[in-house]
Amino acid sequence: MFKVLILLLASAAVGYVLRRNSGLRKTLSLTTPITIFVLLFMFGLSIGSNESILSNIHKDGVKAGAIALLGVAGSIAATTACIKLTNRKGGKK
């Protein structure tokens, strides 16, 4: 766990130092989606190869789906409330 945090902090420091390098930023903006897809694929492989996760997927999947749906519903409700409060106080429509 500490290795991951140290790596994250070190990479953030390097990114901070190199933030003005436009060529590097352009390259990173192209490779970031590819990296994310590779990470998601590897994550899926590790889930698919774990028998304990697959044997409980019906229970855990329902819970995860419910949490995701409730999170989206809460975000929509909060956004709607903020918009209504802003409009009530004379904000732009």
PDB file of N, CA and C in Angstrom:
ATOM      1  N   MET A   1       0.817  -1.188   0.000  1.00  0.00           N
ATOM      2  CA  MET A   1       0.000   0.000   0.000  1.00  0.00           C
ATOM      3  C   MET A   1       0.869   1.265   0.000  1.00  0.00           C
ATOM      4  N   PHE A   2       1.917   1.239   0.824  1.00  0.00           N
ATOM      5  CA  PHE A   2       2.792   2.405   0.864  1.00  0.00           C
ATOM      6  C   PHE A   2       3.558   2.577  -0.439  1.00  0.00           C
ATOM      7  N   LYS A   3       3.867   1.462  -1.106  1.00  0.00           N
ATOM      8  CA  LYS A   3       4.551   1.559  -2.396  1.00  0.00           C
ATOM      9  C   LYS A   3       3.684   2.299  -3.403  1.00  0.00           C
ATOM     10  N   VAL A   4       2.385   2.009  -3.391  1.00  0.00           N
ATOM     11  CA  VAL A   4       1.466   2.662  -4.325  1.00  0.00           C
ATOM     12  C   VAL A   4       1.374   4.149  -4.015  1.00  0.00           C
ATOM     13  N   LEU A   5       1.270   4.508  -2.745  1.00  0.00           N
ATOM     14  CA  LEU A   5       1.187   5.920  -2.374  1.00  0.00           C
ATOM     15  C   LEU A   5       2.470   6.668  -2.713  1.00  0.00           C
ATOM     16  N   ILE A   6       3.613   6.039  -2.477  1.00  0.00           N
ATOM     17  CA  ILE A   6       4.892   6.669  -2.810  1.00  0.00           C
ATOM     18  C   ILE A   6       5.006   6.855  -4.319  1.00  0.00           C
ATOM     19  N   LEU A   7       4.600   5.846  -5.084  1.00  0.00           N
ATOM     20  CA  LEU A   7       4.632   5.956  -6.545  1.00  0.00           C
ATOM     21  C   LEU A   7       3.694   7.058  -7.029  1.00  0.00           C
ATOM     22  N   LEU A   8       2.526   7.167  -6.424  1.00  0.00           N
ATOM     23  CA  LEU A   8       1.574   8.211  -6.799  1.00  0.00           C
ATOM     24  C   LEU A   8       2.145   9.596  -6.501  1.00  0.00           C
ATOM     25  N   LEU A   9       2.712   9.771  -5.330  1.00  0.00           N
ATOM     26  CA  LEU A   9       3.286  11.063  -4.979  1.00  0.00           C
ATOM     27  C   LEU A   9       4.487  11.409  -5.860  1.00  0.00           C
ATOM     28  N   ALA A  10       5.332  10.424  -6.141  1.00  0.00           N
ATOM     29  CA  ALA A  10       6.497  10.671  -7.002  1.00  0.00           C
ATOM     30  C   ALA A  10       6.062  11.049  -8.413  1.00  0.00           C
ATOM     31  N   SER A  11       5.072  10.351  -8.949  1.00  0.00           N
ATOM     32  CA  SER A  11       4.615  10.670 -10.306  1.00  0.00           C
ATOM     33  C   SER A  11       3.925  12.032 -10.344  1.00  0.00           C
ATOM     34  N   ALA A  12       3.214  12.392  -9.271  1.00  0.00           N
ATOM     35  CA  ALA A  12       2.605  13.726  -9.210  1.00  0.00           C
ATOM     36  C   ALA A  12       3.679  14.805  -9.181  1.00  0.00           C
ATOM     37  N   ALA A  13       4.773  14.562  -8.455  1.00  0.00           N
ATOM     38  CA  ALA A  13       5.874  15.524  -8.394  1.00  0.00           C
ATOM     39  C   ALA A  13       6.537  15.683  -9.768  1.00  0.00           C
ATOM     40  N   VAL A  14       6.756  14.584 -10.449  1.00  0.00           N
ATOM     41  CA  VAL A  14       7.351  14.650 -11.793  1.00  0.00           C
ATOM     42  C   VAL A  14       6.404  15.377 -12.748  1.00  0.00           C
ATOM     43  N   GLY A  15       5.120  15.084 -12.657  1.00  0.00           N
ATOM     44  CA  GLY A  15       4.140  15.770 -13.495  1.00  0.00           C
ATOM     45  C   GLY A  15       4.107  17.264 -13.226  1.00  0.00           C
ATOM     46  N   TYR A  16       4.248  17.642 -11.961  1.00  0.00           N
ATOM     47  CA  TYR A  16       4.267  19.059 -11.605  1.00  0.00           C
ATOM     48  C   TYR A  16       5.479  19.765 -12.208  1.00  0.00           C
ATOM     49  N   VAL A  17       6.622  19.100 -12.155  1.00  0.00           N
ATOM     50  CA  VAL A  17       7.850  19.698 -12.701  1.00  0.00           C
ATOM     51  C   VAL A  17       7.765  19.807 -14.221  1.00  0.00           C
ATOM     52  N   LEU A  18       7.180  18.812 -14.870  1.00  0.00           N
ATOM     53  CA  LEU A  18       7.144  18.777 -16.341  1.00  0.00           C
ATOM     54  C   LEU A  18       5.843  19.328 -16.930  1.00  0.00           C
ATOM     55  N   ARG A  19       5.044  20.037 -16.156  1.00  0.00           N
ATOM     56  CA  ARG A  19       3.715  20.461 -16.614  1.00  0.00           C
ATOM     57  C   ARG A  19       3.751  21.456 -17.773  1.00  0.00           C
ATOM     58  N   ARG A  20       4.840  22.157 -17.946  1.00  0.00           N
ATOM     59  CA  ARG A  20       4.923  23.144 -19.024  1.00  0.00           C
ATOM     60  C   ARG A  20       5.381  22.545 -20.359  1.00  0.00           C
ATOM     61  N   ASN A  21       5.766  21.286 -20.381  1.00  0.00           N
ATOM     62  CA  ASN A  21       6.238  20.612 -21.593  1.00  0.00           C
ATOM     63  C   ASN A  21       5.027  20.202 -22.422  1.00  0.00           C
ATOM     64  N   SER A  22       4.715  20.992 -23.471  1.00  0.00           N
ATOM     65  CA  SER A  22       3.500  20.752 -24.254  1.00  0.00           C
ATOM     66  C   SER A  22       3.587  19.463 -25.073  1.00  0.00           C
ATOM     67  N   GLY A  23       4.776  19.094 -25.525  1.00  0.00           N
ATOM     68  CA  GLY A  23       4.919  17.849 -26.278  1.00  0.00           C
ATOM     69  C   GLY A  23       4.610  16.632 -25.422  1.00  0.00           C
ATOM     70  N   LEU A  24       5.085  16.666 -24.192  1.00  0.00           N
ATOM     71  CA  LEU A  24       4.803  15.577 -23.263  1.00  0.00           C
ATOM     72  C   LEU A  24       3.322  15.519 -22.933  1.00  0.00           C
ATOM     73  N   ARG A  25       2.706  16.674 -22.722  1.00  0.00           N
ATOM     74  CA  ARG A  25       1.266  16.700 -22.410  1.00  0.00           C
ATOM     75  C   ARG A  25       0.445  16.162 -23.574  1.00  0.00           C
ATOM     76  N   LYS A  26       0.838  16.477 -24.800  1.00  0.00           N
ATOM     77  CA  LYS A  26       0.114  15.985 -25.970  1.00  0.00           C
ATOM     78  C   LYS A  26       0.230  14.455 -26.063  1.00  0.00           C
ATOM     79  N   THR A  27       1.436  13.940 -25.829  1.00  0.00           N
ATOM     80  CA  THR A  27       1.665  12.495 -25.864  1.00  0.00           C
ATOM     81  C   THR A  27       0.863  11.800 -24.774  1.00  0.00           C
ATOM     82  N   LEU A  28       0.874  12.362 -23.571  1.00  0.00           N
ATOM     83  CA  LEU A  28       0.129  11.761 -22.470  1.00  0.00           C
ATOM     84  C   LEU A  28      -1.374  11.795 -22.710  1.00  0.00           C
ATOM     85  N   SER A  29      -1.865  12.868 -23.326  1.00  0.00           N
ATOM     86  CA  SER A  29      -3.298  12.937 -23.600  1.00  0.00           C
ATOM     87  C   SER A  29      -3.719  11.871 -24.620  1.00  0.00           C
ATOM     88  N   LEU A  30      -2.803  11.445 -25.470  1.00  0.00           N
ATOM     89  CA  LEU A  30      -3.112  10.379 -26.433  1.00  0.00           C
ATOM     90  C   LEU A  30      -3.004   8.994 -25.802  1.00  0.00           C
ATOM     91  N   THR A  31      -2.063   8.827 -24.881  1.00  0.00           N
ATOM     92  CA  THR A  31      -1.844   7.499 -24.307  1.00  0.00           C
ATOM     93  C   THR A  31      -2.700   7.214 -23.075  1.00  0.00           C
ATOM     94  N   THR A  32      -3.273   8.226 -22.461  1.00  0.00           N
ATOM     95  CA  THR A  32      -4.068   8.016 -21.251  1.00  0.00           C
ATOM     96  C   THR A  32      -5.268   7.099 -21.484  1.00  0.00           C
ATOM     97  N   PRO A  33      -6.083   7.313 -22.529  1.00  0.00           N
ATOM     98  CA  PRO A  33      -7.209   6.391 -22.731  1.00  0.00           C
ATOM     99  C   PRO A  33      -6.767   4.944 -22.981  1.00  0.00           C
ATOM    100  N   ILE A  34      -5.683   4.770 -23.696  1.00  0.00           N
ATOM    101  CA  ILE A  34      -5.179   3.418 -23.959  1.00  0.00           C
ATOM    102  C   ILE A  34      -4.765   2.761 -22.646  1.00  0.00           C
ATOM    103  N   THR A  35      -4.088   3.516 -21.805  1.00  0.00           N
ATOM    104  CA  THR A  35      -3.663   2.987 -20.509  1.00  0.00           C
ATOM    105  C   THR A  35      -4.860   2.600 -19.657  1.00  0.00           C
ATOM    106  N   ILE A  36      -5.886   3.423 -19.653  1.00  0.00           N
ATOM    107  CA  ILE A  36      -7.090   3.116 -18.875  1.00  0.00           C
ATOM    108  C   ILE A  36      -7.753   1.847 -19.391  1.00  0.00           C
ATOM    109  N   PHE A  37      -7.849   1.688 -20.701  1.00  0.00           N
ATOM    110  CA  PHE A  37      -8.459   0.479 -21.267  1.00  0.00           C
ATOM    111  C   PHE A  37      -7.655  -0.769 -20.903  1.00  0.00           C
ATOM    112  N   VAL A  38      -6.342  -0.664 -20.941  1.00  0.00           N
ATOM    113  CA  VAL A  38      -5.498  -1.804 -20.575  1.00  0.00           C
ATOM    114  C   VAL A  38      -5.698  -2.149 -19.096  1.00  0.00           C
ATOM    115  N   LEU A  39      -5.749  -1.131 -18.236  1.00  0.00           N
ATOM    116  CA  LEU A  39      -5.978  -1.378 -16.814  1.00  0.00           C
ATOM    117  C   LEU A  39      -7.337  -2.025 -16.566  1.00  0.00           C
ATOM    118  N   LEU A  40      -8.368  -1.549 -17.250  1.00  0.00           N
ATOM    119  CA  LEU A  40      -9.691  -2.154 -17.100  1.00  0.00           C
ATOM    120  C   LEU A  40      -9.706  -3.598 -17.592  1.00  0.00           C
ATOM    121  N   PHE A  41      -9.007  -3.864 -18.688  1.00  0.00           N
ATOM    122  CA  PHE A  41      -8.931  -5.224 -19.197  1.00  0.00           C
ATOM    123  C   PHE A  41      -8.236  -6.139 -18.202  1.00  0.00           C
ATOM    124  N   MET A  42      -7.137  -5.674 -17.638  1.00  0.00           N
ATOM    125  CA  MET A  42      -6.412  -6.478 -16.651  1.00  0.00           C
ATOM    126  C   MET A  42      -7.250  -6.690 -15.393  1.00  0.00           C
ATOM    127  N   PHE A  43      -7.997  -5.668 -14.997  1.00  0.00           N
ATOM    128  CA  PHE A  43      -8.886  -5.793 -13.850  1.00  0.00           C
ATOM    129  C   PHE A  43      -9.954  -6.853 -14.125  1.00  0.00           C
ATOM    130  N   GLY A  44     -10.508  -6.843 -15.319  1.00  0.00           N
ATOM    131  CA  GLY A  44     -11.486  -7.856 -15.696  1.00  0.00           C
ATOM    132  C   GLY A  44     -10.895  -9.257 -15.711  1.00  0.00           C
ATOM    133  N   LEU A  45      -9.657  -9.384 -16.182  1.00  0.00           N
ATOM    134  CA  LEU A  45      -8.990 -10.687 -16.160  1.00  0.00           C
ATOM    135  C   LEU A  45      -8.813 -11.199 -14.735  1.00  0.00           C
ATOM    136  N   SER A  46      -8.432 -10.311 -13.834  1.00  0.00           N
ATOM    137  CA  SER A  46      -8.235 -10.748 -12.447  1.00  0.00           C
ATOM    138  C   SER A  46      -9.560 -11.119 -11.792  1.00  0.00           C
ATOM    139  N   ILE A  47     -10.626 -10.423 -12.114  1.00  0.00           N
ATOM    140  CA  ILE A  47     -11.944 -10.785 -11.581  1.00  0.00           C
ATOM    141  C   ILE A  47     -12.400 -12.111 -12.173  1.00  0.00           C
ATOM    142  N   GLY A  48     -12.227 -12.282 -13.465  1.00  0.00           N
ATOM    143  CA  GLY A  48     -12.655 -13.509 -14.122  1.00  0.00           C
ATOM    144  C   GLY A  48     -11.902 -14.744 -13.674  1.00  0.00           C
ATOM    145  N   SER A  49     -10.697 -14.586 -13.211  1.00  0.00           N
ATOM    146  CA  SER A  49      -9.910 -15.735 -12.772  1.00  0.00           C
ATOM    147  C   SER A  49     -10.078 -16.041 -11.284  1.00  0.00           C
ATOM    148  N   ASN A  50     -10.799 -15.208 -10.553  1.00  0.00           N
ATOM    149  CA  ASN A  50     -10.993 -15.395  -9.123  1.00  0.00           C
ATOM    150  C   ASN A  50     -12.314 -16.133  -8.876  1.00  0.00           C
ATOM    151  N   GLU A  51     -12.226 -17.375  -8.436  1.00  0.00           N
ATOM    152  CA  GLU A  51     -13.424 -18.196  -8.265  1.00  0.00           C
ATOM    153  C   GLU A  51     -14.341 -17.685  -7.161  1.00  0.00           C
ATOM    154  N   SER A  52     -13.780 -17.121  -6.099  1.00  0.00           N
ATOM    155  CA  SER A  52     -14.629 -16.641  -5.003  1.00  0.00           C
ATOM    156  C   SER A  52     -15.463 -15.438  -5.440  1.00  0.00           C
ATOM    157  N   ILE A  53     -14.902 -14.593  -6.275  1.00  0.00           N
ATOM    158  CA  ILE A  53     -15.676 -13.458  -6.787  1.00  0.00           C
ATOM    159  C   ILE A  53     -16.770 -13.956  -7.714  1.00  0.00           C
ATOM    160  N   LEU A  54     -16.429 -14.873  -8.606  1.00  0.00           N
ATOM    161  CA  LEU A  54     -17.420 -15.369  -9.559  1.00  0.00           C
ATOM    162  C   LEU A  54     -18.529 -16.156  -8.887  1.00  0.00           C
ATOM    163  N   SER A  55     -18.220 -16.853  -7.802  1.00  0.00           N
ATOM    164  CA  SER A  55     -19.268 -17.625  -7.132  1.00  0.00           C
ATOM    165  C   SER A  55     -20.250 -16.719  -6.388  1.00  0.00           C
ATOM    166  N   ASN A  56     -19.851 -15.521  -6.032  1.00  0.00           N
ATOM    167  CA  ASN A  56     -20.721 -14.586  -5.326  1.00  0.00           C
ATOM    168  C   ASN A  56     -21.180 -13.423  -6.193  1.00  0.00           C
ATOM    169  N   ILE A  57     -20.989 -13.523  -7.504  1.00  0.00           N
ATOM    170  CA  ILE A  57     -21.284 -12.397  -8.391  1.00  0.00           C
ATOM    171  C   ILE A  57     -22.767 -12.045  -8.381  1.00  0.00           C
ATOM    172  N   HIS A  58     -23.645 -13.028  -8.192  1.00  0.00           N
ATOM    173  CA  HIS A  58     -25.074 -12.728  -8.199  1.00  0.00           C
ATOM    174  C   HIS A  58     -25.458 -11.874  -6.995  1.00  0.00           C
ATOM    175  N   LYS A  59     -24.871 -12.116  -5.835  1.00  0.00           N
ATOM    176  CA  LYS A  59     -25.167 -11.295  -4.648  1.00  0.00           C
ATOM    177  C   LYS A  59     -24.453  -9.948  -4.724  1.00  0.00           C
ATOM    178  N   ASP A  60     -23.177  -9.990  -5.011  1.00  0.00           N
ATOM    179  CA  ASP A  60     -22.398  -8.761  -5.045  1.00  0.00           C
ATOM    180  C   ASP A  60     -22.791  -7.870  -6.212  1.00  0.00           C
ATOM    181  N   GLY A  61     -23.162  -8.473  -7.324  1.00  0.00           N
ATOM    182  CA  GLY A  61     -23.572  -7.700  -8.489  1.00  0.00           C
ATOM    183  C   GLY A  61     -24.856  -6.931  -8.247  1.00  0.00           C
ATOM    184  N   VAL A  62     -25.791  -7.544  -7.558  1.00  0.00           N
ATOM    185  CA  VAL A  62     -27.051  -6.861  -7.237  1.00  0.00           C
ATOM    186  C   VAL A  62     -26.776  -5.688  -6.298  1.00  0.00           C
ATOM    187  N   LYS A  63     -25.936  -5.917  -5.296  1.00  0.00           N
ATOM    188  CA  LYS A  63     -25.592  -4.831  -4.371  1.00  0.00           C
ATOM    189  C   LYS A  63     -24.888  -3.694  -5.110  1.00  0.00           C
ATOM    190  N   ALA A  64     -23.938  -4.026  -5.952  1.00  0.00           N
ATOM    191  CA  ALA A  64     -23.196  -3.001  -6.693  1.00  0.00           C
ATOM    192  C   ALA A  64     -24.122  -2.224  -7.622  1.00  0.00           C
ATOM    193  N   GLY A  65     -25.046  -2.943  -8.275  1.00  0.00           N
ATOM    194  CA  GLY A  65     -26.005  -2.274  -9.149  1.00  0.00           C
ATOM    195  C   GLY A  65     -26.914  -1.334  -8.383  1.00  0.00           C
ATOM    196  N   ALA A  66     -27.370  -1.768  -7.212  1.00  0.00           N
ATOM    197  CA  ALA A  66     -28.226  -0.923  -6.389  1.00  0.00           C
ATOM    198  C   ALA A  66     -27.484   0.322  -5.918  1.00  0.00           C
ATOM    199  N   ILE A  67     -26.229   0.150  -5.505  1.00  0.00           N
ATOM    200  CA  ILE A  67     -25.435   1.300  -5.070  1.00  0.00           C
ATOM    201  C   ILE A  67     -25.229   2.273  -6.225  1.00  0.00           C
ATOM    202  N   ALA A  68     -24.942   1.760  -7.417  1.00  0.00           N
ATOM    203  CA  ALA A  68     -24.733   2.624  -8.576  1.00  0.00           C
ATOM    204  C   ALA A  68     -26.007   3.380  -8.934  1.00  0.00           C
ATOM    205  N   LEU A  69     -27.140   2.682  -8.952  1.00  0.00           N
ATOM    206  CA  LEU A  69     -28.409   3.342  -9.285  1.00  0.00           C
ATOM    207  C   LEU A  69     -28.783   4.396  -8.251  1.00  0.00           C
ATOM    208  N   LEU A  70     -28.610   4.073  -6.974  1.00  0.00           N
ATOM    209  CA  LEU A  70     -28.922   5.052  -5.934  1.00  0.00           C
ATOM    210  C   LEU A  70     -27.972   6.246  -5.985  1.00  0.00           C
ATOM    211  N   GLY A  71     -26.723   6.007  -6.332  1.00  0.00           N
ATOM    212  CA  GLY A  71     -25.772   7.109  -6.478  1.00  0.00           C
ATOM    213  C   GLY A  71     -26.155   8.046  -7.608  1.00  0.00           C
ATOM    214  N   VAL A  72     -26.560   7.475  -8.733  1.00  0.00           N
ATOM    215  CA  VAL A  72     -26.996   8.292  -9.870  1.00  0.00           C
ATOM    216  C   VAL A  72     -28.270   9.054  -9.505  1.00  0.00           C
ATOM    217  N   ALA A  73     -29.219   8.359  -8.863  1.00  0.00           N
ATOM    218  CA  ALA A  73     -30.470   9.016  -8.472  1.00  0.00           C
ATOM    219  C   ALA A  73     -30.199  10.157  -7.493  1.00  0.00           C
ATOM    220  N   GLY A  74     -29.303   9.948  -6.541  1.00  0.00           N
ATOM    221  CA  GLY A  74     -28.956  11.009  -5.601  1.00  0.00           C
ATOM    222  C   GLY A  74     -28.297  12.194  -6.282  1.00  0.00           C
ATOM    223  N   SER A  75     -27.440  11.930  -7.259  1.00  0.00           N
ATOM    224  CA  SER A  75     -26.792  13.012  -8.001  1.00  0.00           C
ATOM    225  C   SER A  75     -27.802  13.815  -8.801  1.00  0.00           C
ATOM    226  N   ILE A  76     -28.745  13.130  -9.417  1.00  0.00           N
ATOM    227  CA  ILE A  76     -29.786  13.818 -10.183  1.00  0.00           C
ATOM    228  C   ILE A  76     -30.650  14.661  -9.243  1.00  0.00           C
ATOM    229  N   ALA A  77     -31.021  14.097  -8.094  1.00  0.00           N
ATOM    230  CA  ALA A  77     -31.845  14.842  -7.136  1.00  0.00           C
ATOM    231  C   ALA A  77     -31.110  16.062  -6.604  1.00  0.00           C
ATOM    232  N   ALA A  78     -29.837  15.920  -6.286  1.00  0.00           N
ATOM    233  CA  ALA A  78     -29.060  17.050  -5.768  1.00  0.00           C
ATOM    234  C   ALA A  78     -28.891  18.124  -6.834  1.00  0.00           C
ATOM    235  N   THR A  79     -28.650  17.731  -8.074  1.00  0.00           N
ATOM    236  CA  THR A  79     -28.509  18.699  -9.157  1.00  0.00           C
ATOM    237  C   THR A  79     -29.810  19.448  -9.391  1.00  0.00           C
ATOM    238  N   THR A  80     -30.911  18.721  -9.381  1.00  0.00           N
ATOM    239  CA  THR A  80     -32.219  19.347  -9.564  1.00  0.00           C
ATOM    240  C   THR A  80     -32.505  20.334  -8.439  1.00  0.00           C
ATOM    241  N   ALA A  81     -32.201  19.951  -7.205  1.00  0.00           N
ATOM    242  CA  ALA A  81     -32.419  20.845  -6.065  1.00  0.00           C
ATOM    243  C   ALA A  81     -31.551  22.095  -6.173  1.00  0.00           C
ATOM    244  N   CYS A  82     -30.297  21.931  -6.574  1.00  0.00           N
ATOM    245  CA  CYS A  82     -29.415  23.092  -6.729  1.00  0.00           C
ATOM    246  C   CYS A  82     -29.906  24.033  -7.818  1.00  0.00           C
ATOM    247  N   ILE A  83     -30.363  23.480  -8.914  1.00  0.00           N
ATOM    248  CA  ILE A  83     -30.877  24.312 -10.006  1.00  0.00           C
ATOM    249  C   ILE A  83     -32.107  25.074  -9.544  1.00  0.00           C
ATOM    250  N   LYS A  84     -33.023  24.411  -8.845  1.00  0.00           N
ATOM    251  CA  LYS A  84     -34.233  25.088  -8.366  1.00  0.00           C
ATOM    252  C   LYS A  84     -33.902  26.167  -7.346  1.00  0.00           C
ATOM    253  N   LEU A  85     -32.951  25.893  -6.439  1.00  0.00           N
ATOM    254  CA  LEU A  85     -32.564  26.904  -5.454  1.00  0.00           C
ATOM    255  C   LEU A  85     -31.887  28.093  -6.113  1.00  0.00           C
ATOM    256  N   THR A  86     -31.075  27.842  -7.110  1.00  0.00           N
ATOM    257  CA  THR A  86     -30.402  28.918  -7.822  1.00  0.00           C
ATOM    258  C   THR A  86     -31.406  29.789  -8.559  1.00  0.00           C
ATOM    259  N   ASN A  87     -32.365  29.165  -9.213  1.00  0.00           N
ATOM    260  CA  ASN A  87     -33.377  29.924  -9.948  1.00  0.00           C
ATOM    261  C   ASN A  87     -34.274  30.702  -8.994  1.00  0.00           C
ATOM    262  N   ARG A  88     -34.535  30.169  -7.818  1.00  0.00           N
ATOM    263  CA  ARG A  88     -35.395  30.831  -6.832  1.00  0.00           C
ATOM    264  C   ARG A  88     -34.727  32.101  -6.299  1.00  0.00           C
ATOM    265  N   LYS A  89     -33.404  32.070  -6.180  1.00  0.00           N
ATOM    266  CA  LYS A  89     -32.677  33.216  -5.638  1.00  0.00           C
ATOM    267  C   LYS A  89     -32.350  34.261  -6.697  1.00  0.00           C
ATOM    268  N   GLY A  90     -32.877  34.129  -7.872  1.00  0.00           N
ATOM    269  CA  GLY A  90     -32.661  35.145  -8.898  1.00  0.00           C
ATOM    270  C   GLY A  90     -31.471  34.859  -9.784  1.00  0.00           C
ATOM    271  N   GLY A  91     -31.019  33.612  -9.841  1.00  0.00           N
ATOM    272  CA  GLY A  91     -29.898  33.254 -10.702  1.00  0.00           C
ATOM    273  C   GLY A  91     -30.325  33.200 -12.157  1.00  0.00           C
ATOM    274  N   LYS A  92     -29.352  33.038 -13.054  1.00  0.00           N
ATOM    275  CA  LYS A  92     -29.658  32.960 -14.489  1.00  0.00           C
ATOM    276  C   LYS A  92     -30.369  31.674 -14.798  1.00  0.00           C
ATOM    277  N   LYS A  93     -31.284  31.728 -15.753  1.00  0.00           N
ATOM    278  CA  LYS A  93     -32.018  30.536 -16.190  1.00  0.00           C
ATOM    279  C   LYS A  93     -31.448  30.002 -17.467  1.00  0.00           C
TER     280      LYS A  93
END
